[in-house]
Amino acid sequence: MSEDHSKKSVVVCDTQPITAEGLRSLLASAGDLEFLASLNSLEAATQMVAIRAPDIVIVDKGFGMRAVLDWIHDLKLTDATPAITVWGVSMTEAEALRLLQAGARGIVRKTAALEPILSCLRTVASGRSWMEDCVFRDSIRQERYPRSELTPREQQVLEMVEQGFKNKEIGLELGIRPGTVKIHLKHIFEKTGVRGRYGLAISGLKERGLVSMVS
């Protein structure tokens, strides 16, 4: 059967086949998305990517964070370039950030409404990143001041936090004590209105237009 190349193909790799069937039904009514296959292992997903080159691969966090992160890493070593979306029943801030930094483009809950799921798939298919802001609802608030209000040192600390550096590593790199790093972070939180280092990292991705967030 010939494929309709005007549609973006979607592969689902999930621990629960019934979930994949629900997505198949959802995509049946989407004119721009096409359900390609349902798989039950990361190894099968790797083979499918190599053989069929789907546009989007949805992976269940239920396989385990370490396994999913390793799979994303290994896939990046190949010539394959699918838009990877990770979904799960729950998702912590730390998990979402690690997945985005590893190369995932989409982060969505399995319990999300139909429209957010479709929005996620369409966004990642276009080459951008997407995630639900509910994952970071406790960290991201409306920023009080533009980042230009930060001091040069605070800007340095902020940039390193966004890259995933820990306080001790930031201190070593900048030649300051970890306690001084904490003080700078306290001032950054107060000025930006963002709570927590994960919130800062995601806020930085948003500011650079690398990730769209939808409630």
N, C-alpha and C. Protein backbone atom coordinates (compact mmCIF):
# COMPACT_ATOMS: atom_id res chain seq x y z
N MET A 1 0.85 -1.19 0.00
CA MET A 1 0.00 0.00 0.00
C MET A 1 0.88 1.24 0.00
N SER A 2 0.64 2.18 -0.89
CA SER A 2 1.44 3.39 -0.96
C SER A 2 1.07 4.34 0.16
N GLU A 3 2.08 5.04 0.68
CA GLU A 3 1.85 5.98 1.76
C GLU A 3 1.48 7.35 1.21
N ASP A 4 0.66 8.09 1.97
CA ASP A 4 0.31 9.45 1.61
C ASP A 4 1.37 10.37 2.20
N HIS A 5 2.30 10.85 1.38
CA HIS A 5 3.41 11.64 1.88
C HIS A 5 3.00 13.06 2.24
N SER A 6 1.75 13.43 2.01
CA SER A 6 1.28 14.74 2.45
C SER A 6 0.96 14.71 3.94
N LYS A 7 0.88 13.51 4.52
CA LYS A 7 0.61 13.35 5.94
C LYS A 7 1.88 12.99 6.69
N LYS A 8 1.94 13.39 7.95
CA LYS A 8 3.07 13.04 8.80
C LYS A 8 2.77 11.69 9.46
N SER A 9 3.69 10.76 9.31
CA SER A 9 3.47 9.42 9.84
C SER A 9 3.85 9.33 11.32
N VAL A 10 3.05 8.58 12.07
CA VAL A 10 3.23 8.48 13.51
C VAL A 10 3.36 7.02 13.93
N VAL A 11 4.41 6.73 14.69
CA VAL A 11 4.61 5.41 15.28
C VAL A 11 4.48 5.55 16.79
N VAL A 12 3.79 4.60 17.41
CA VAL A 12 3.61 4.61 18.86
C VAL A 12 4.30 3.39 19.46
N CYS A 13 5.18 3.64 20.41
CA CYS A 13 5.86 2.55 21.13
C CYS A 13 5.40 2.64 22.58
N ASP A 14 4.53 1.70 22.98
CA ASP A 14 3.86 1.83 24.27
C ASP A 14 3.80 0.50 25.01
N THR A 15 3.79 0.59 26.32
CA THR A 15 3.70 -0.62 27.14
C THR A 15 2.29 -1.17 27.21
N GLN A 16 1.30 -0.34 26.80
CA GLN A 16 -0.10 -0.74 26.86
C GLN A 16 -0.73 -0.64 25.48
N PRO A 17 -0.95 -1.74 24.79
CA PRO A 17 -1.51 -1.73 23.43
C PRO A 17 -2.82 -0.97 23.33
N ILE A 18 -3.65 -1.00 24.37
CA ILE A 18 -4.95 -0.34 24.30
C ILE A 18 -4.80 1.17 24.14
N THR A 19 -3.71 1.72 24.73
CA THR A 19 -3.44 3.16 24.60
C THR A 19 -3.13 3.50 23.16
N ALA A 20 -2.33 2.68 22.51
CA ALA A 20 -1.98 2.91 21.12
C ALA A 20 -3.21 2.84 20.22
N GLU A 21 -4.13 1.94 20.55
CA GLU A 21 -5.35 1.83 19.75
C GLU A 21 -6.19 3.09 19.88
N GLY A 22 -6.18 3.69 21.07
CA GLY A 22 -6.91 4.94 21.25
C GLY A 22 -6.33 6.05 20.39
N LEU A 23 -5.01 6.08 20.28
CA LEU A 23 -4.37 7.09 19.44
C LEU A 23 -4.65 6.82 17.97
N ARG A 24 -4.71 5.55 17.59
CA ARG A 24 -5.03 5.21 16.21
C ARG A 24 -6.40 5.79 15.82
N SER A 25 -7.36 5.65 16.73
CA SER A 25 -8.71 6.18 16.47
C SER A 25 -8.68 7.70 16.37
N LEU A 26 -7.89 8.33 17.23
CA LEU A 26 -7.78 9.78 17.21
C LEU A 26 -7.22 10.28 15.89
N LEU A 27 -6.16 9.64 15.41
CA LEU A 27 -5.50 10.10 14.19
C LEU A 27 -6.29 9.79 12.94
N ALA A 28 -7.25 8.88 13.04
CA ALA A 28 -8.07 8.53 11.88
C ALA A 28 -8.86 9.74 11.39
N SER A 29 -9.14 10.68 12.29
CA SER A 29 -9.91 11.86 11.92
C SER A 29 -9.02 13.08 11.65
N ALA A 30 -7.70 12.89 11.76
CA ALA A 30 -6.77 13.99 11.52
C ALA A 30 -6.28 13.94 10.08
N GLY A 31 -6.57 14.96 9.32
CA GLY A 31 -6.22 14.94 7.90
C GLY A 31 -4.74 15.06 7.61
N ASP A 32 -3.96 15.53 8.58
CA ASP A 32 -2.54 15.76 8.33
C ASP A 32 -1.62 14.78 9.05
N LEU A 33 -2.21 13.84 9.81
CA LEU A 33 -1.42 12.86 10.55
C LEU A 33 -1.89 11.45 10.21
N GLU A 34 -0.96 10.52 10.14
CA GLU A 34 -1.28 9.15 9.75
C GLU A 34 -0.65 8.15 10.71
N PHE A 35 -1.47 7.28 11.29
CA PHE A 35 -0.98 6.24 12.20
C PHE A 35 -0.27 5.18 11.38
N LEU A 36 1.01 4.95 11.69
CA LEU A 36 1.80 4.01 10.91
C LEU A 36 1.91 2.64 11.58
N ALA A 37 2.19 2.62 12.88
CA ALA A 37 2.37 1.33 13.54
C ALA A 37 2.32 1.47 15.05
N SER A 38 1.97 0.36 15.71
CA SER A 38 1.99 0.28 17.17
C SER A 38 3.02 -0.77 17.55
N LEU A 39 3.95 -0.42 18.44
CA LEU A 39 5.04 -1.31 18.83
C LEU A 39 5.06 -1.46 20.35
N ASN A 40 5.67 -2.54 20.82
CA ASN A 40 5.68 -2.77 22.26
C ASN A 40 7.07 -2.89 22.86
N SER A 41 8.10 -2.45 22.12
CA SER A 41 9.45 -2.46 22.67
C SER A 41 10.29 -1.38 22.00
N LEU A 42 11.28 -0.88 22.70
CA LEU A 42 12.16 0.14 22.15
C LEU A 42 13.01 -0.43 21.01
N GLU A 43 13.34 -1.70 21.11
CA GLU A 43 14.11 -2.35 20.03
C GLU A 43 13.30 -2.37 18.74
N ALA A 44 12.00 -2.68 18.86
CA ALA A 44 11.14 -2.68 17.68
C ALA A 44 11.02 -1.27 17.11
N ALA A 45 11.01 -0.27 17.98
CA ALA A 45 10.93 1.12 17.51
C ALA A 45 12.17 1.49 16.72
N THR A 46 13.33 1.04 17.18
CA THR A 46 14.57 1.32 16.46
C THR A 46 14.54 0.70 15.07
N GLN A 47 14.07 -0.52 14.98
CA GLN A 47 13.97 -1.19 13.68
C GLN A 47 12.98 -0.49 12.76
N MET A 48 11.84 -0.06 13.33
CA MET A 48 10.84 0.63 12.53
C MET A 48 11.37 1.94 11.99
N VAL A 49 12.11 2.67 12.82
CA VAL A 49 12.69 3.94 12.37
C VAL A 49 13.65 3.70 11.22
N ALA A 50 14.44 2.64 11.31
CA ALA A 50 15.42 2.35 10.25
C ALA A 50 14.75 1.92 8.95
N ILE A 51 13.63 1.19 9.07
CA ILE A 51 12.99 0.64 7.88
C ILE A 51 12.00 1.61 7.24
N ARG A 52 11.17 2.25 8.07
CA ARG A 52 10.08 3.08 7.54
C ARG A 52 10.29 4.58 7.68
N ALA A 53 11.25 5.00 8.50
CA ALA A 53 11.56 6.43 8.69
C ALA A 53 10.32 7.25 9.00
N PRO A 54 9.62 6.96 10.09
CA PRO A 54 8.42 7.74 10.43
C PRO A 54 8.79 9.18 10.79
N ASP A 55 7.84 10.07 10.64
CA ASP A 55 8.09 11.48 10.99
C ASP A 55 8.08 11.69 12.50
N ILE A 56 7.22 10.95 13.20
CA ILE A 56 7.05 11.12 14.63
C ILE A 56 7.07 9.76 15.31
N VAL A 57 7.78 9.67 16.44
CA VAL A 57 7.75 8.46 17.26
C VAL A 57 7.32 8.86 18.67
N ILE A 58 6.22 8.27 19.13
CA ILE A 58 5.75 8.50 20.49
C ILE A 58 6.23 7.34 21.35
N VAL A 59 6.94 7.67 22.43
CA VAL A 59 7.52 6.64 23.30
C VAL A 59 6.92 6.77 24.70
N ASP A 60 6.58 5.65 25.28
CA ASP A 60 6.00 5.61 26.61
C ASP A 60 7.11 5.71 27.67
N LYS A 61 6.95 6.67 28.60
CA LYS A 61 7.90 6.78 29.70
C LYS A 61 7.87 5.54 30.58
N GLY A 62 6.81 4.75 30.44
CA GLY A 62 6.65 3.54 31.23
C GLY A 62 7.74 2.50 30.99
N PHE A 63 8.51 2.64 29.90
CA PHE A 63 9.63 1.73 29.68
C PHE A 63 10.76 2.00 30.67
N GLY A 64 10.69 3.14 31.35
CA GLY A 64 11.74 3.51 32.30
C GLY A 64 12.54 4.69 31.78
N MET A 65 12.79 5.67 32.64
CA MET A 65 13.50 6.87 32.21
C MET A 65 14.87 6.54 31.64
N ARG A 66 15.63 5.70 32.34
CA ARG A 66 16.98 5.39 31.88
C ARG A 66 16.94 4.72 30.51
N ALA A 67 16.00 3.80 30.32
CA ALA A 67 15.90 3.09 29.04
C ALA A 67 15.52 4.05 27.93
N VAL A 68 14.58 4.97 28.20
CA VAL A 68 14.14 5.92 27.17
C VAL A 68 15.26 6.89 26.83
N LEU A 69 15.96 7.39 27.84
CA LEU A 69 17.08 8.31 27.60
C LEU A 69 18.17 7.63 26.78
N ASP A 70 18.49 6.39 27.12
CA ASP A 70 19.51 5.66 26.36
C ASP A 70 19.05 5.43 24.92
N TRP A 71 17.77 5.15 24.74
CA TRP A 71 17.23 4.92 23.40
C TRP A 71 17.33 6.19 22.56
N ILE A 72 16.98 7.33 23.15
CA ILE A 72 17.08 8.60 22.43
C ILE A 72 18.54 8.87 22.05
N HIS A 73 19.44 8.64 22.99
CA HIS A 73 20.87 8.86 22.73
C HIS A 73 21.35 7.98 21.59
N ASP A 74 21.00 6.71 21.62
CA ASP A 74 21.45 5.79 20.58
C ASP A 74 20.86 6.15 19.22
N LEU A 75 19.62 6.60 19.22
CA LEU A 75 18.97 6.96 17.96
C LEU A 75 19.65 8.18 17.34
N LYS A 76 20.11 9.09 18.18
CA LYS A 76 20.79 10.29 17.67
C LYS A 76 22.12 9.96 17.01
N LEU A 77 22.66 8.79 17.30
CA LEU A 77 23.94 8.39 16.70
C LEU A 77 23.75 7.85 15.29
N THR A 78 22.50 7.64 14.89
CA THR A 78 22.20 7.15 13.55
C THR A 78 21.79 8.33 12.67
N ASP A 79 21.46 8.02 11.42
CA ASP A 79 21.02 9.08 10.50
C ASP A 79 19.52 9.36 10.63
N ALA A 80 18.85 8.63 11.51
CA ALA A 80 17.41 8.80 11.67
C ALA A 80 17.10 10.14 12.35
N THR A 81 16.04 10.79 11.90
CA THR A 81 15.70 12.09 12.48
C THR A 81 14.20 12.22 12.79
N PRO A 82 13.57 11.23 13.41
CA PRO A 82 12.15 11.39 13.74
C PRO A 82 11.99 12.39 14.88
N ALA A 83 10.83 13.01 14.94
CA ALA A 83 10.50 13.89 16.06
C ALA A 83 10.02 13.00 17.20
N ILE A 84 10.79 12.94 18.26
CA ILE A 84 10.48 12.06 19.38
C ILE A 84 9.59 12.78 20.39
N THR A 85 8.48 12.15 20.71
CA THR A 85 7.59 12.65 21.75
C THR A 85 7.50 11.59 22.85
N VAL A 86 7.67 12.02 24.09
CA VAL A 86 7.57 11.10 25.21
C VAL A 86 6.31 11.42 25.99
N TRP A 87 5.51 10.39 26.26
CA TRP A 87 4.32 10.62 27.07
C TRP A 87 4.28 9.63 28.22
N GLY A 88 3.52 9.99 29.24
CA GLY A 88 3.41 9.13 30.40
C GLY A 88 2.24 9.57 31.25
N VAL A 89 1.84 8.72 32.17
CA VAL A 89 0.74 9.06 33.06
C VAL A 89 1.14 10.23 33.94
N SER A 90 2.41 10.28 34.34
CA SER A 90 2.93 11.38 35.14
C SER A 90 4.29 11.79 34.60
N MET A 91 4.70 13.01 34.92
CA MET A 91 5.99 13.50 34.45
C MET A 91 6.48 14.57 35.43
N THR A 92 7.65 14.37 36.02
CA THR A 92 8.20 15.36 36.93
C THR A 92 8.97 16.41 36.15
N GLU A 93 9.26 17.53 36.80
CA GLU A 93 10.05 18.58 36.17
C GLU A 93 11.41 18.05 35.73
N ALA A 94 12.06 17.32 36.63
CA ALA A 94 13.40 16.81 36.32
C ALA A 94 13.36 15.88 35.12
N GLU A 95 12.36 15.02 35.05
CA GLU A 95 12.25 14.08 33.94
C GLU A 95 12.01 14.81 32.63
N ALA A 96 11.09 15.78 32.64
CA ALA A 96 10.78 16.53 31.42
C ALA A 96 12.01 17.27 30.90
N LEU A 97 12.74 17.90 31.80
CA LEU A 97 13.92 18.64 31.38
C LEU A 97 15.00 17.71 30.83
N ARG A 98 15.22 16.59 31.49
CA ARG A 98 16.22 15.63 31.01
C ARG A 98 15.86 15.09 29.64
N LEU A 99 14.58 14.85 29.41
CA LEU A 99 14.15 14.34 28.12
C LEU A 99 14.34 15.38 27.02
N LEU A 100 14.02 16.63 27.31
CA LEU A 100 14.21 17.69 26.33
C LEU A 100 15.69 17.88 26.02
N GLN A 101 16.51 17.86 27.05
CA GLN A 101 17.95 18.04 26.84
C GLN A 101 18.55 16.85 26.10
N ALA A 102 17.94 15.68 26.25
CA ALA A 102 18.44 14.49 25.55
C ALA A 102 18.10 14.51 24.06
N GLY A 103 17.04 15.26 23.71
CA GLY A 103 16.67 15.32 22.30
C GLY A 103 15.21 15.09 21.99
N ALA A 104 14.40 14.82 23.00
CA ALA A 104 12.96 14.68 22.77
C ALA A 104 12.39 16.05 22.38
N ARG A 105 11.42 16.05 21.48
CA ARG A 105 10.81 17.32 21.07
C ARG A 105 9.48 17.57 21.75
N GLY A 106 8.79 16.49 22.11
CA GLY A 106 7.48 16.65 22.72
C GLY A 106 7.39 15.98 24.07
N ILE A 107 6.70 16.63 25.01
CA ILE A 107 6.43 16.06 26.33
C ILE A 107 4.94 16.25 26.59
N VAL A 108 4.22 15.15 26.79
CA VAL A 108 2.78 15.25 26.97
C VAL A 108 2.30 14.14 27.89
N ARG A 109 1.24 14.40 28.64
CA ARG A 109 0.67 13.37 29.50
C ARG A 109 -0.30 12.49 28.72
N LYS A 110 -0.38 11.25 29.10
CA LYS A 110 -1.36 10.36 28.48
C LYS A 110 -2.78 10.80 28.81
N THR A 111 -2.94 11.50 29.91
CA THR A 111 -4.27 11.93 30.34
C THR A 111 -4.67 13.26 29.73
N ALA A 112 -3.86 13.81 28.83
CA ALA A 112 -4.18 15.09 28.20
C ALA A 112 -5.40 14.95 27.31
N ALA A 113 -6.07 16.07 27.08
CA ALA A 113 -7.22 16.09 26.18
C ALA A 113 -6.74 15.86 24.74
N LEU A 114 -7.69 15.57 23.86
CA LEU A 114 -7.33 15.23 22.48
C LEU A 114 -6.63 16.38 21.76
N GLU A 115 -7.12 17.60 21.93
CA GLU A 115 -6.54 18.73 21.20
C GLU A 115 -5.09 18.99 21.57
N PRO A 116 -4.73 18.97 22.87
CA PRO A 116 -3.31 19.14 23.20
C PRO A 116 -2.41 18.06 22.59
N ILE A 117 -2.91 16.84 22.53
CA ILE A 117 -2.11 15.77 21.95
C ILE A 117 -1.88 16.02 20.46
N LEU A 118 -2.93 16.41 19.76
CA LEU A 118 -2.79 16.72 18.34
C LEU A 118 -1.88 17.93 18.13
N SER A 119 -2.03 18.93 18.99
CA SER A 119 -1.19 20.13 18.90
C SER A 119 0.27 19.76 19.10
N CYS A 120 0.53 18.87 20.05
CA CYS A 120 1.89 18.42 20.30
C CYS A 120 2.48 17.75 19.05
N LEU A 121 1.73 16.83 18.47
CA LEU A 121 2.23 16.09 17.32
C LEU A 121 2.47 17.01 16.12
N ARG A 122 1.57 17.95 15.90
CA ARG A 122 1.73 18.87 14.77
C ARG A 122 2.92 19.81 14.98
N THR A 123 3.14 20.21 16.22
CA THR A 123 4.24 21.11 16.51
C THR A 123 5.59 20.42 16.32
N VAL A 124 5.73 19.21 16.87
CA VAL A 124 7.02 18.51 16.73
C VAL A 124 7.27 18.12 15.28
N ALA A 125 6.21 17.83 14.55
CA ALA A 125 6.37 17.48 13.14
C ALA A 125 6.89 18.67 12.33
N SER A 126 6.62 19.88 12.82
CA SER A 126 7.06 21.08 12.11
C SER A 126 8.50 21.46 12.47
N GLY A 127 9.10 20.69 13.39
CA GLY A 127 10.49 20.94 13.74
C GLY A 127 10.70 21.70 15.03
N ARG A 128 9.60 22.03 15.71
CA ARG A 128 9.70 22.75 16.99
C ARG A 128 9.43 21.80 18.15
N SER A 129 9.65 22.29 19.35
CA SER A 129 9.40 21.48 20.55
C SER A 129 8.13 21.94 21.23
N TRP A 130 7.54 21.04 22.02
CA TRP A 130 6.24 21.32 22.64
C TRP A 130 6.14 20.56 23.95
N MET A 131 5.52 21.20 24.94
CA MET A 131 5.22 20.50 26.18
C MET A 131 4.10 21.21 26.90
N GLU A 132 3.43 20.48 27.78
CA GLU A 132 2.35 21.06 28.58
C GLU A 132 2.95 21.83 29.74
N ASP A 133 2.48 23.05 29.96
CA ASP A 133 3.06 23.82 31.04
C ASP A 133 2.63 23.32 32.41
N CYS A 134 1.65 22.41 32.46
CA CYS A 134 1.26 21.86 33.75
C CYS A 134 2.38 21.06 34.38
N VAL A 135 3.30 20.57 33.55
CA VAL A 135 4.44 19.83 34.08
C VAL A 135 5.29 20.74 34.96
N PHE A 136 5.34 22.03 34.59
CA PHE A 136 6.15 22.99 35.33
C PHE A 136 5.29 24.06 36.00
N ARG A 137 4.05 23.72 36.32
CA ARG A 137 3.14 24.73 36.86
C ARG A 137 3.62 25.31 38.18
N ASP A 138 4.41 24.57 38.96
CA ASP A 138 4.88 25.07 40.24
C ASP A 138 6.16 25.89 40.11
N SER A 139 6.76 25.90 38.91
CA SER A 139 8.03 26.60 38.74
C SER A 139 7.90 27.86 37.90
N ILE A 140 7.07 27.80 36.87
CA ILE A 140 7.02 28.91 35.93
C ILE A 140 5.86 29.84 36.25
N ARG A 141 6.20 31.06 36.49
CA ARG A 141 5.21 32.10 36.70
C ARG A 141 5.46 33.19 35.68
N GLN A 142 4.64 34.21 35.68
CA GLN A 142 4.88 35.34 34.81
C GLN A 142 6.16 36.04 35.26
N GLU A 143 7.12 36.21 34.39
CA GLU A 143 8.36 36.84 34.79
C GLU A 143 8.12 38.31 35.12
N ARG A 144 8.69 38.75 36.24
CA ARG A 144 8.45 40.10 36.73
C ARG A 144 9.25 41.13 35.96
N TYR A 145 10.48 40.78 35.60
CA TYR A 145 11.36 41.70 34.92
C TYR A 145 12.02 41.00 33.74
N PRO A 146 12.39 41.75 32.70
CA PRO A 146 13.12 41.11 31.60
C PRO A 146 14.49 40.65 32.10
N ARG A 147 15.05 39.68 31.45
CA ARG A 147 16.33 39.13 31.90
C ARG A 147 17.46 40.13 31.78
N SER A 148 17.25 41.19 31.02
CA SER A 148 18.27 42.23 30.91
C SER A 148 18.48 42.94 32.23
N GLU A 149 17.55 42.78 33.19
CA GLU A 149 17.68 43.40 34.50
C GLU A 149 18.67 42.63 35.38
N LEU A 150 19.06 41.45 34.98
CA LEU A 150 20.02 40.67 35.76
C LEU A 150 21.42 41.24 35.62
N THR A 151 22.21 41.09 36.67
CA THR A 151 23.61 41.53 36.59
C THR A 151 24.39 40.59 35.69
N PRO A 152 25.56 41.02 35.20
CA PRO A 152 26.37 40.14 34.35
C PRO A 152 26.66 38.79 35.01
N ARG A 153 26.96 38.79 36.31
CA ARG A 153 27.24 37.53 37.00
C ARG A 153 25.99 36.67 37.08
N GLU A 154 24.85 37.30 37.34
CA GLU A 154 23.59 36.55 37.38
C GLU A 154 23.27 35.95 36.03
N GLN A 155 23.59 36.68 34.96
CA GLN A 155 23.38 36.15 33.61
C GLN A 155 24.25 34.92 33.39
N GLN A 156 25.50 34.95 33.87
CA GLN A 156 26.39 33.80 33.72
C GLN A 156 25.84 32.58 34.45
N VAL A 157 25.39 32.81 35.69
CA VAL A 157 24.85 31.72 36.49
C VAL A 157 23.60 31.16 35.82
N LEU A 158 22.74 32.04 35.34
CA LEU A 158 21.50 31.62 34.68
C LEU A 158 21.79 30.76 33.46
N GLU A 159 22.73 31.18 32.64
CA GLU A 159 23.05 30.44 31.42
C GLU A 159 23.57 29.04 31.76
N MET A 160 24.35 28.93 32.83
CA MET A 160 24.89 27.63 33.20
C MET A 160 23.81 26.73 33.80
N VAL A 161 22.87 27.32 34.52
CA VAL A 161 21.74 26.54 35.03
C VAL A 161 20.93 25.99 33.87
N GLU A 162 20.71 26.82 32.85
CA GLU A 162 19.95 26.39 31.68
C GLU A 162 20.64 25.24 30.96
N GLN A 163 21.96 25.16 31.07
CA GLN A 163 22.71 24.09 30.42
C GLN A 163 22.80 22.84 31.28
N GLY A 164 22.24 22.90 32.49
CA GLY A 164 22.21 21.72 33.34
C GLY A 164 23.32 21.60 34.35
N PHE A 165 24.13 22.66 34.52
CA PHE A 165 25.22 22.62 35.49
C PHE A 165 24.66 22.67 36.91
N LYS A 166 25.32 21.97 37.84
CA LYS A 166 24.96 22.00 39.25
C LYS A 166 25.70 23.15 39.92
N ASN A 167 25.27 23.51 41.14
CA ASN A 167 25.86 24.66 41.83
C ASN A 167 27.38 24.52 41.99
N LYS A 168 27.83 23.32 42.39
CA LYS A 168 29.27 23.11 42.59
C LYS A 168 30.03 23.30 41.28
N GLU A 169 29.45 22.80 40.19
CA GLU A 169 30.10 22.93 38.88
C GLU A 169 30.13 24.39 38.43
N ILE A 170 29.06 25.11 38.70
CA ILE A 170 29.02 26.54 38.36
C ILE A 170 30.09 27.29 39.14
N GLY A 171 30.20 26.96 40.44
CA GLY A 171 31.19 27.62 41.28
C GLY A 171 32.61 27.38 40.78
N LEU A 172 32.90 26.14 40.39
CA LEU A 172 34.23 25.82 39.88
C LEU A 172 34.52 26.57 38.57
N GLU A 173 33.52 26.62 37.71
CA GLU A 173 33.70 27.28 36.41
C GLU A 173 33.90 28.79 36.55
N LEU A 174 33.17 29.40 37.48
CA LEU A 174 33.21 30.86 37.64
C LEU A 174 34.18 31.31 38.73
N GLY A 175 34.75 30.35 39.46
CA GLY A 175 35.70 30.70 40.50
C GLY A 175 35.06 31.31 41.73
N ILE A 176 33.86 30.85 42.07
CA ILE A 176 33.15 31.35 43.24
C ILE A 176 32.68 30.17 44.08
N ARG A 177 32.30 30.44 45.32
CA ARG A 177 31.85 29.38 46.22
C ARG A 177 30.43 28.94 45.87
N PRO A 178 30.10 27.66 46.13
CA PRO A 178 28.72 27.20 45.91
C PRO A 178 27.70 28.03 46.66
N GLY A 179 28.08 28.51 47.85
CA GLY A 179 27.16 29.36 48.61
C GLY A 179 26.87 30.66 47.89
N THR A 180 27.88 31.18 47.20
CA THR A 180 27.69 32.41 46.43
C THR A 180 26.77 32.15 45.23
N VAL A 181 26.89 30.96 44.65
CA VAL A 181 26.01 30.57 43.55
C VAL A 181 24.56 30.57 44.04
N LYS A 182 24.34 30.04 45.24
CA LYS A 182 22.98 30.00 45.81
C LYS A 182 22.42 31.40 45.98
N ILE A 183 23.27 32.33 46.40
CA ILE A 183 22.81 33.72 46.58
C ILE A 183 22.41 34.32 45.24
N HIS A 184 23.24 34.08 44.21
CA HIS A 184 22.90 34.57 42.86
C HIS A 184 21.57 33.98 42.38
N LEU A 185 21.38 32.68 42.63
CA LEU A 185 20.13 32.02 42.22
C LEU A 185 18.93 32.63 42.94
N LYS A 186 19.11 32.93 44.22
CA LYS A 186 18.02 33.55 44.99
C LYS A 186 17.61 34.87 44.36
N HIS A 187 18.60 35.67 43.96
CA HIS A 187 18.30 36.96 43.32
C HIS A 187 17.64 36.76 41.95
N ILE A 188 18.10 35.74 41.22
CA ILE A 188 17.50 35.45 39.90
C ILE A 188 16.05 35.04 40.06
N PHE A 189 15.76 34.18 41.03
CA PHE A 189 14.37 33.76 41.27
C PHE A 189 13.50 34.97 41.62
N GLU A 190 14.02 35.86 42.46
CA GLU A 190 13.26 37.03 42.89
C GLU A 190 12.98 37.97 41.72
N LYS A 191 13.96 38.15 40.86
CA LYS A 191 13.81 39.09 39.75
C LYS A 191 12.93 38.54 38.63
N THR A 192 13.07 37.25 38.34
CA THR A 192 12.33 36.69 37.21
C THR A 192 10.95 36.18 37.59
N GLY A 193 10.77 35.84 38.87
CA GLY A 193 9.49 35.26 39.28
C GLY A 193 9.39 33.79 38.98
N VAL A 194 10.48 33.19 38.52
CA VAL A 194 10.50 31.75 38.23
C VAL A 194 10.98 31.01 39.46
N ARG A 195 10.34 29.90 39.78
CA ARG A 195 10.70 29.13 40.96
C ARG A 195 11.42 27.85 40.55
N GLY A 196 12.62 27.65 41.08
CA GLY A 196 13.34 26.40 40.86
C GLY A 196 14.21 26.42 39.61
N ARG A 197 15.31 25.67 39.67
CA ARG A 197 16.26 25.64 38.55
C ARG A 197 15.66 24.98 37.31
N TYR A 198 14.73 24.03 37.48
CA TYR A 198 14.09 23.43 36.32
C TYR A 198 13.23 24.47 35.60
N GLY A 199 12.56 25.30 36.40
CA GLY A 199 11.76 26.37 35.82
C GLY A 199 12.61 27.34 35.03
N LEU A 200 13.81 27.66 35.55
CA LEU A 200 14.72 28.55 34.84
C LEU A 200 15.16 27.95 33.51
N ALA A 201 15.47 26.67 33.54
CA ALA A 201 15.93 26.00 32.32
C ALA A 201 14.85 26.01 31.25
N ILE A 202 13.62 25.67 31.64
CA ILE A 202 12.52 25.66 30.68
C ILE A 202 12.18 27.06 30.22
N SER A 203 12.22 28.02 31.15
CA SER A 203 11.95 29.41 30.78
C SER A 203 12.95 29.90 29.74
N GLY A 204 14.21 29.45 29.88
CA GLY A 204 15.22 29.83 28.90
C GLY A 204 14.94 29.24 27.53
N LEU A 205 14.48 27.99 27.51
CA LEU A 205 14.12 27.37 26.23
C LEU A 205 12.96 28.11 25.58
N LYS A 206 11.98 28.51 26.39
CA LYS A 206 10.84 29.26 25.87
C LYS A 206 11.29 30.59 25.28
N GLU A 207 12.16 31.29 26.01
CA GLU A 207 12.60 32.61 25.57
C GLU A 207 13.33 32.54 24.23
N ARG A 208 14.06 31.46 24.02
CA ARG A 208 14.79 31.30 22.75
C ARG A 208 13.93 30.68 21.66
N GLY A 209 12.65 30.44 21.96
CA GLY A 209 11.74 29.90 20.97
C GLY A 209 11.96 28.45 20.66
N LEU A 210 12.63 27.72 21.58
CA LEU A 210 12.94 26.31 21.33
C LEU A 210 11.85 25.37 21.79
N VAL A 211 10.93 25.88 22.60
CA VAL A 211 9.85 25.03 23.09
C VAL A 211 8.59 25.85 23.26
N SER A 212 7.46 25.27 22.81
CA SER A 212 6.15 25.88 23.01
C SER A 212 5.49 25.17 24.16
N MET A 213 4.79 25.93 25.02
CA MET A 213 4.13 25.33 26.15
C MET A 213 2.65 25.68 26.12
N VAL A 214 1.83 24.67 26.29
CA VAL A 214 0.38 24.85 26.22
C VAL A 214 -0.25 24.24 27.46
N SER A 215 -1.17 24.98 28.06
CA SER A 215 -1.83 24.48 29.28
C SER A 215 -2.95 23.55 28.91
